Amino acid sequence: MSTDFEYAIKKDVRNNKIIREVDEARQRQFWRSLGTGGVLVVVVLFSVWQKVELLQHGYRIQKLQQEQAAEVEINRRLRLEVETLRAPERIENMAKELNLVAPPRDRAIVIERVTPSAPPDKSVVAAR
């Protein structure tokens, strides 16, 4: 009976690591699939990036158009204000409020704006 027990203890079980060979065809197919997938991901990301940039440019254009419309409205209001401030009736009313009177005809000096005449055609400029 002791020999059976001894045999069970001395049983040599080898747990060697299994060495698997690399399947070259499968390895190439894996890298090819990975490369194709990577290219597809890059193409999809580029397409999405273009669409997002286009959308952002659209928003910027819309914002600039709104700003331009607001500036045009401000410009219109300012021109209207300038025209009302330049009105001769308004200036005359303000002069009356300040007790200003018109000068008599003999003391009034009228200054006319003289526009420079255009130079004659084919004018010659003297040079030293």
N, C-alpha and C. Protein backbone atom coordinates (compact mmCIF):
# COMPACT_ATOMS: atom_id res chain seq x y z
N MET A 1 0.80 -1.18 0.00
CA MET A 1 0.00 0.00 0.00
C MET A 1 0.86 1.26 0.00
N SER A 2 1.99 1.16 0.55
CA SER A 2 2.86 2.31 0.59
C SER A 2 3.42 2.66 -0.78
N THR A 3 3.52 1.71 -1.65
CA THR A 3 4.04 1.99 -2.98
C THR A 3 3.05 2.76 -3.82
N ASP A 4 1.78 2.52 -3.66
CA ASP A 4 0.78 3.28 -4.42
C ASP A 4 0.81 4.75 -4.01
N PHE A 5 0.99 4.94 -2.76
CA PHE A 5 1.01 6.30 -2.24
C PHE A 5 2.25 7.03 -2.74
N GLU A 6 3.36 6.33 -2.77
CA GLU A 6 4.60 6.91 -3.21
C GLU A 6 4.54 7.26 -4.69
N TYR A 7 3.88 6.42 -5.48
CA TYR A 7 3.75 6.66 -6.89
C TYR A 7 2.92 7.93 -7.13
N ALA A 8 1.89 8.13 -6.35
CA ALA A 8 1.02 9.30 -6.53
C ALA A 8 1.77 10.58 -6.21
N ILE A 9 2.66 10.55 -5.29
CA ILE A 9 3.40 11.75 -4.91
C ILE A 9 4.52 12.01 -5.91
N LYS A 10 5.16 11.01 -6.39
CA LYS A 10 6.31 11.19 -7.25
C LYS A 10 5.93 11.33 -8.72
N LYS A 11 4.68 11.39 -9.02
CA LYS A 11 4.25 11.48 -10.41
C LYS A 11 4.76 12.80 -11.00
N ASP A 12 5.47 12.71 -12.08
CA ASP A 12 6.09 13.88 -12.69
C ASP A 12 5.12 14.49 -13.72
N VAL A 13 4.60 15.66 -13.37
CA VAL A 13 3.68 16.37 -14.28
C VAL A 13 4.44 17.58 -14.80
N ARG A 14 4.61 17.63 -16.06
CA ARG A 14 5.34 18.76 -16.65
C ARG A 14 4.33 19.80 -17.16
N ASN A 15 4.47 21.01 -16.68
CA ASN A 15 3.63 22.12 -17.12
C ASN A 15 4.48 23.07 -17.98
N ASN A 16 4.92 22.56 -19.06
CA ASN A 16 5.72 23.39 -19.95
C ASN A 16 4.80 24.41 -20.66
N LYS A 17 5.35 25.58 -20.91
CA LYS A 17 4.58 26.60 -21.63
C LYS A 17 4.42 26.16 -23.07
N ILE A 18 3.23 26.42 -23.59
CA ILE A 18 2.97 26.06 -24.98
C ILE A 18 3.46 27.21 -25.86
N ILE A 19 4.24 26.90 -26.80
CA ILE A 19 4.75 27.91 -27.71
C ILE A 19 3.96 27.80 -29.00
N ARG A 20 3.25 28.89 -29.31
CA ARG A 20 2.45 28.88 -30.53
C ARG A 20 3.21 29.61 -31.62
N GLU A 21 3.06 29.12 -32.80
CA GLU A 21 3.69 29.76 -33.93
C GLU A 21 2.82 30.93 -34.40
N VAL A 22 3.46 31.98 -34.87
CA VAL A 22 2.73 33.15 -35.37
C VAL A 22 2.27 32.84 -36.77
N ASP A 23 0.96 33.01 -36.98
CA ASP A 23 0.39 32.78 -38.30
C ASP A 23 0.60 34.05 -39.12
N GLU A 24 1.51 34.00 -40.05
CA GLU A 24 1.88 35.19 -40.82
C GLU A 24 0.71 35.71 -41.64
N ALA A 25 -0.07 34.86 -42.25
CA ALA A 25 -1.20 35.30 -43.08
C ALA A 25 -2.24 36.02 -42.22
N ARG A 26 -2.49 35.45 -41.06
CA ARG A 26 -3.47 36.08 -40.16
C ARG A 26 -2.94 37.41 -39.64
N GLN A 27 -1.64 37.46 -39.36
CA GLN A 27 -1.01 38.70 -38.89
C GLN A 27 -1.13 39.79 -39.96
N ARG A 28 -0.84 39.46 -41.22
CA ARG A 28 -0.97 40.43 -42.32
C ARG A 28 -2.41 40.90 -42.48
N GLN A 29 -3.34 39.96 -42.40
CA GLN A 29 -4.76 40.33 -42.53
C GLN A 29 -5.18 41.25 -41.38
N PHE A 30 -4.68 41.00 -40.19
CA PHE A 30 -5.00 41.87 -39.05
C PHE A 30 -4.48 43.29 -39.29
N TRP A 31 -3.22 43.43 -39.71
CA TRP A 31 -2.65 44.76 -39.94
C TRP A 31 -3.33 45.47 -41.11
N ARG A 32 -3.69 44.70 -42.14
CA ARG A 32 -4.39 45.28 -43.28
C ARG A 32 -5.77 45.79 -42.84
N SER A 33 -6.47 45.00 -42.04
CA SER A 33 -7.79 45.42 -41.54
C SER A 33 -7.65 46.64 -40.63
N LEU A 34 -6.64 46.64 -39.78
CA LEU A 34 -6.40 47.77 -38.90
C LEU A 34 -6.08 49.03 -39.70
N GLY A 35 -5.25 48.90 -40.73
CA GLY A 35 -4.92 50.05 -41.58
C GLY A 35 -6.14 50.57 -42.33
N THR A 36 -6.95 49.67 -42.88
CA THR A 36 -8.17 50.08 -43.58
C THR A 36 -9.12 50.79 -42.62
N GLY A 37 -9.28 50.24 -41.45
CA GLY A 37 -10.14 50.89 -40.44
C GLY A 37 -9.61 52.26 -40.05
N GLY A 38 -8.30 52.38 -39.90
CA GLY A 38 -7.70 53.68 -39.56
C GLY A 38 -7.95 54.71 -40.65
N VAL A 39 -7.79 54.29 -41.91
CA VAL A 39 -8.04 55.21 -43.03
C VAL A 39 -9.50 55.64 -43.04
N LEU A 40 -10.40 54.71 -42.82
CA LEU A 40 -11.83 55.06 -42.78
C LEU A 40 -12.14 56.02 -41.64
N VAL A 41 -11.53 55.81 -40.50
CA VAL A 41 -11.75 56.72 -39.36
C VAL A 41 -11.23 58.11 -39.70
N VAL A 42 -10.06 58.19 -40.33
CA VAL A 42 -9.50 59.50 -40.71
C VAL A 42 -10.42 60.19 -41.72
N VAL A 43 -10.94 59.45 -42.70
CA VAL A 43 -11.84 60.03 -43.70
C VAL A 43 -13.11 60.54 -43.04
N VAL A 44 -13.68 59.77 -42.14
CA VAL A 44 -14.91 60.19 -41.46
C VAL A 44 -14.64 61.42 -40.59
N LEU A 45 -13.53 61.42 -39.85
CA LEU A 45 -13.20 62.58 -39.01
C LEU A 45 -12.97 63.83 -39.86
N PHE A 46 -12.32 63.68 -41.01
CA PHE A 46 -12.09 64.83 -41.90
C PHE A 46 -13.41 65.36 -42.43
N SER A 47 -14.31 64.46 -42.80
CA SER A 47 -15.61 64.88 -43.31
C SER A 47 -16.41 65.61 -42.24
N VAL A 48 -16.41 65.08 -41.03
CA VAL A 48 -17.14 65.73 -39.93
C VAL A 48 -16.51 67.08 -39.62
N TRP A 49 -15.17 67.15 -39.64
CA TRP A 49 -14.49 68.42 -39.36
C TRP A 49 -14.88 69.47 -40.39
N GLN A 50 -14.94 69.07 -41.68
CA GLN A 50 -15.33 70.03 -42.72
C GLN A 50 -16.75 70.54 -42.49
N LYS A 51 -17.66 69.65 -42.14
CA LYS A 51 -19.05 70.06 -41.94
C LYS A 51 -19.17 70.99 -40.73
N VAL A 52 -18.42 70.71 -39.68
CA VAL A 52 -18.46 71.58 -38.49
C VAL A 52 -17.89 72.95 -38.83
N GLU A 53 -16.78 72.99 -39.56
CA GLU A 53 -16.19 74.28 -39.96
C GLU A 53 -17.15 75.06 -40.84
N LEU A 54 -17.82 74.39 -41.77
CA LEU A 54 -18.80 75.05 -42.63
C LEU A 54 -19.93 75.63 -41.81
N LEU A 55 -20.39 74.90 -40.83
CA LEU A 55 -21.46 75.37 -39.95
C LEU A 55 -21.00 76.57 -39.14
N GLN A 56 -19.78 76.52 -38.62
CA GLN A 56 -19.26 77.65 -37.85
C GLN A 56 -19.09 78.89 -38.72
N HIS A 57 -18.63 78.70 -39.97
CA HIS A 57 -18.51 79.85 -40.88
C HIS A 57 -19.89 80.44 -41.17
N GLY A 58 -20.89 79.58 -41.31
CA GLY A 58 -22.26 80.07 -41.52
C GLY A 58 -22.72 80.92 -40.35
N TYR A 59 -22.43 80.46 -39.13
CA TYR A 59 -22.81 81.24 -37.95
C TYR A 59 -22.07 82.57 -37.91
N ARG A 60 -20.79 82.55 -38.25
CA ARG A 60 -20.01 83.80 -38.26
C ARG A 60 -20.55 84.78 -39.30
N ILE A 61 -20.90 84.27 -40.48
CA ILE A 61 -21.44 85.13 -41.53
C ILE A 61 -22.77 85.73 -41.08
N GLN A 62 -23.60 84.91 -40.47
CA GLN A 62 -24.90 85.40 -39.99
C GLN A 62 -24.69 86.48 -38.92
N LYS A 63 -23.76 86.26 -38.02
CA LYS A 63 -23.48 87.26 -36.98
C LYS A 63 -22.97 88.56 -37.58
N LEU A 64 -22.05 88.45 -38.56
CA LEU A 64 -21.53 89.64 -39.21
C LEU A 64 -22.61 90.38 -39.99
N GLN A 65 -23.52 89.65 -40.61
CA GLN A 65 -24.62 90.30 -41.32
C GLN A 65 -25.53 91.05 -40.35
N GLN A 66 -25.77 90.46 -39.18
CA GLN A 66 -26.58 91.15 -38.17
C GLN A 66 -25.87 92.40 -37.68
N GLU A 67 -24.56 92.30 -37.46
CA GLU A 67 -23.79 93.47 -37.02
C GLU A 67 -23.80 94.55 -38.10
N GLN A 68 -23.69 94.14 -39.36
CA GLN A 68 -23.71 95.11 -40.45
C GLN A 68 -25.07 95.81 -40.51
N ALA A 69 -26.16 95.06 -40.37
CA ALA A 69 -27.49 95.67 -40.39
C ALA A 69 -27.64 96.66 -39.24
N ALA A 70 -27.12 96.31 -38.07
CA ALA A 70 -27.20 97.22 -36.92
C ALA A 70 -26.38 98.48 -37.20
N GLU A 71 -25.19 98.33 -37.78
CA GLU A 71 -24.36 99.50 -38.08
C GLU A 71 -24.99 100.38 -39.16
N VAL A 72 -25.64 99.77 -40.13
CA VAL A 72 -26.33 100.55 -41.17
C VAL A 72 -27.46 101.36 -40.53
N GLU A 73 -28.17 100.76 -39.60
CA GLU A 73 -29.26 101.47 -38.92
C GLU A 73 -28.71 102.63 -38.08
N ILE A 74 -27.60 102.40 -37.38
CA ILE A 74 -26.97 103.47 -36.61
C ILE A 74 -26.51 104.59 -37.54
N ASN A 75 -25.92 104.23 -38.68
CA ASN A 75 -25.46 105.21 -39.65
C ASN A 75 -26.64 106.04 -40.18
N ARG A 76 -27.75 105.39 -40.47
CA ARG A 76 -28.93 106.09 -40.95
C ARG A 76 -29.43 107.09 -39.90
N ARG A 77 -29.49 106.65 -38.66
CA ARG A 77 -29.95 107.54 -37.58
C ARG A 77 -29.01 108.74 -37.39
N LEU A 78 -27.70 108.48 -37.46
CA LEU A 78 -26.74 109.58 -37.29
C LEU A 78 -26.82 110.58 -38.45
N ARG A 79 -26.99 110.09 -39.67
CA ARG A 79 -27.14 111.00 -40.80
C ARG A 79 -28.40 111.84 -40.66
N LEU A 80 -29.48 111.22 -40.19
CA LEU A 80 -30.73 111.96 -39.97
C LEU A 80 -30.53 113.03 -38.90
N GLU A 81 -29.81 112.68 -37.84
CA GLU A 81 -29.54 113.64 -36.77
C GLU A 81 -28.68 114.80 -37.28
N VAL A 82 -27.67 114.49 -38.10
CA VAL A 82 -26.82 115.55 -38.66
C VAL A 82 -27.66 116.48 -39.52
N GLU A 83 -28.53 115.93 -40.33
CA GLU A 83 -29.37 116.76 -41.21
C GLU A 83 -30.32 117.64 -40.40
N THR A 84 -30.87 117.10 -39.32
CA THR A 84 -31.77 117.93 -38.50
C THR A 84 -30.97 119.00 -37.76
N LEU A 85 -29.75 118.71 -37.35
CA LEU A 85 -28.94 119.71 -36.66
C LEU A 85 -28.46 120.80 -37.62
N ARG A 86 -28.32 120.50 -38.90
CA ARG A 86 -27.88 121.47 -39.88
C ARG A 86 -29.02 122.31 -40.45
N ALA A 87 -30.24 122.00 -40.09
CA ALA A 87 -31.40 122.70 -40.67
C ALA A 87 -31.34 124.19 -40.34
N PRO A 88 -31.50 125.07 -41.33
CA PRO A 88 -31.43 126.51 -41.08
C PRO A 88 -32.52 126.99 -40.12
N GLU A 89 -33.69 126.41 -40.15
CA GLU A 89 -34.77 126.81 -39.24
C GLU A 89 -34.35 126.56 -37.79
N ARG A 90 -33.72 125.44 -37.53
CA ARG A 90 -33.28 125.12 -36.17
C ARG A 90 -32.22 126.10 -35.71
N ILE A 91 -31.28 126.40 -36.58
CA ILE A 91 -30.21 127.35 -36.22
C ILE A 91 -30.81 128.73 -35.95
N GLU A 92 -31.78 129.13 -36.76
CA GLU A 92 -32.43 130.42 -36.56
C GLU A 92 -33.18 130.46 -35.23
N ASN A 93 -33.87 129.39 -34.88
CA ASN A 93 -34.59 129.32 -33.59
C ASN A 93 -33.61 129.39 -32.42
N MET A 94 -32.48 128.68 -32.53
CA MET A 94 -31.49 128.72 -31.45
C MET A 94 -30.90 130.12 -31.31
N ALA A 95 -30.70 130.82 -32.44
CA ALA A 95 -30.17 132.18 -32.40
C ALA A 95 -31.17 133.11 -31.72
N LYS A 96 -32.45 132.93 -31.98
CA LYS A 96 -33.47 133.76 -31.33
C LYS A 96 -33.51 133.50 -29.84
N GLU A 97 -33.33 132.23 -29.42
CA GLU A 97 -33.32 131.90 -27.99
C GLU A 97 -32.13 132.56 -27.29
N LEU A 98 -31.03 132.71 -28.01
CA LEU A 98 -29.83 133.34 -27.44
C LEU A 98 -29.83 134.86 -27.64
N ASN A 99 -30.95 135.41 -28.11
CA ASN A 99 -31.11 136.85 -28.36
C ASN A 99 -30.09 137.39 -29.36
N LEU A 100 -29.79 136.60 -30.35
CA LEU A 100 -28.90 137.04 -31.42
C LEU A 100 -29.77 137.66 -32.52
N VAL A 101 -29.24 138.67 -33.17
CA VAL A 101 -29.98 139.32 -34.25
C VAL A 101 -29.15 139.25 -35.52
N ALA A 102 -29.82 139.33 -36.64
CA ALA A 102 -29.14 139.32 -37.93
C ALA A 102 -28.43 140.65 -38.14
N PRO A 103 -27.22 140.67 -38.68
CA PRO A 103 -26.51 141.93 -38.91
C PRO A 103 -27.18 142.70 -40.06
N PRO A 104 -27.03 144.02 -40.06
CA PRO A 104 -27.57 144.78 -41.19
C PRO A 104 -26.80 144.44 -42.46
N ARG A 105 -27.41 144.74 -43.60
CA ARG A 105 -26.81 144.34 -44.89
C ARG A 105 -25.43 144.96 -45.11
N ASP A 106 -25.24 146.16 -44.66
CA ASP A 106 -23.96 146.80 -44.92
C ASP A 106 -22.83 146.24 -44.06
N ARG A 107 -23.14 145.56 -42.95
CA ARG A 107 -22.10 145.00 -42.07
C ARG A 107 -21.93 143.50 -42.27
N ALA A 108 -22.80 142.90 -43.04
CA ALA A 108 -22.73 141.45 -43.26
C ALA A 108 -21.67 141.11 -44.30
N ILE A 109 -20.87 140.12 -44.00
CA ILE A 109 -19.85 139.65 -44.94
C ILE A 109 -20.20 138.22 -45.31
N VAL A 110 -20.41 138.00 -46.57
CA VAL A 110 -20.75 136.66 -47.06
C VAL A 110 -19.49 136.02 -47.60
N ILE A 111 -19.16 134.89 -47.06
CA ILE A 111 -17.98 134.15 -47.50
C ILE A 111 -18.46 132.98 -48.34
N GLU A 112 -18.00 132.96 -49.57
CA GLU A 112 -18.41 131.89 -50.46
C GLU A 112 -17.32 130.83 -50.53
N ARG A 113 -17.73 129.64 -50.65
CA ARG A 113 -16.77 128.55 -50.78
C ARG A 113 -16.34 128.47 -52.24
N VAL A 114 -15.08 128.57 -52.46
CA VAL A 114 -14.54 128.52 -53.82
C VAL A 114 -13.92 127.15 -54.01
N THR A 115 -14.39 126.48 -55.04
CA THR A 115 -13.81 125.17 -55.34
C THR A 115 -12.66 125.38 -56.31
N PRO A 116 -11.56 124.72 -56.10
CA PRO A 116 -10.42 124.90 -57.02
C PRO A 116 -10.78 124.36 -58.39
N SER A 117 -10.33 125.06 -59.40
CA SER A 117 -10.60 124.61 -60.76
C SER A 117 -9.68 123.45 -61.11
N ALA A 118 -10.12 122.67 -62.05
CA ALA A 118 -9.35 121.51 -62.48
C ALA A 118 -8.14 122.00 -63.27
N PRO A 119 -7.03 121.31 -63.18
CA PRO A 119 -5.86 121.73 -63.96
C PRO A 119 -6.15 121.55 -65.45
N PRO A 120 -5.57 122.39 -66.27
CA PRO A 120 -5.80 122.25 -67.71
C PRO A 120 -5.23 120.94 -68.22
N ASP A 121 -5.82 120.49 -69.32
CA ASP A 121 -5.35 119.23 -69.91
C ASP A 121 -3.89 119.35 -70.34
N LYS A 122 -3.14 118.31 -70.17
CA LYS A 122 -1.74 118.22 -70.58
C LYS A 122 -0.93 119.39 -70.06
N SER A 123 -1.09 119.68 -68.77
CA SER A 123 -0.34 120.78 -68.18
C SER A 123 1.12 120.37 -67.99
N VAL A 124 1.97 121.35 -68.07
CA VAL A 124 3.40 121.11 -67.94
C VAL A 124 3.84 121.69 -66.61
N VAL A 125 4.53 120.91 -65.83
CA VAL A 125 5.04 121.36 -64.55
C VAL A 125 6.52 121.64 -64.72
N ALA A 126 6.89 122.85 -64.30
CA ALA A 126 8.30 123.20 -64.42
C ALA A 126 9.12 122.50 -63.37
N ALA A 127 10.26 122.02 -63.76
CA ALA A 127 11.16 121.33 -62.84
C ALA A 127 12.54 121.93 -62.98
N ARG A 128 13.27 121.96 -61.91
CA ARG A 128 14.62 122.51 -61.96
C ARG A 128 15.63 121.42 -62.03
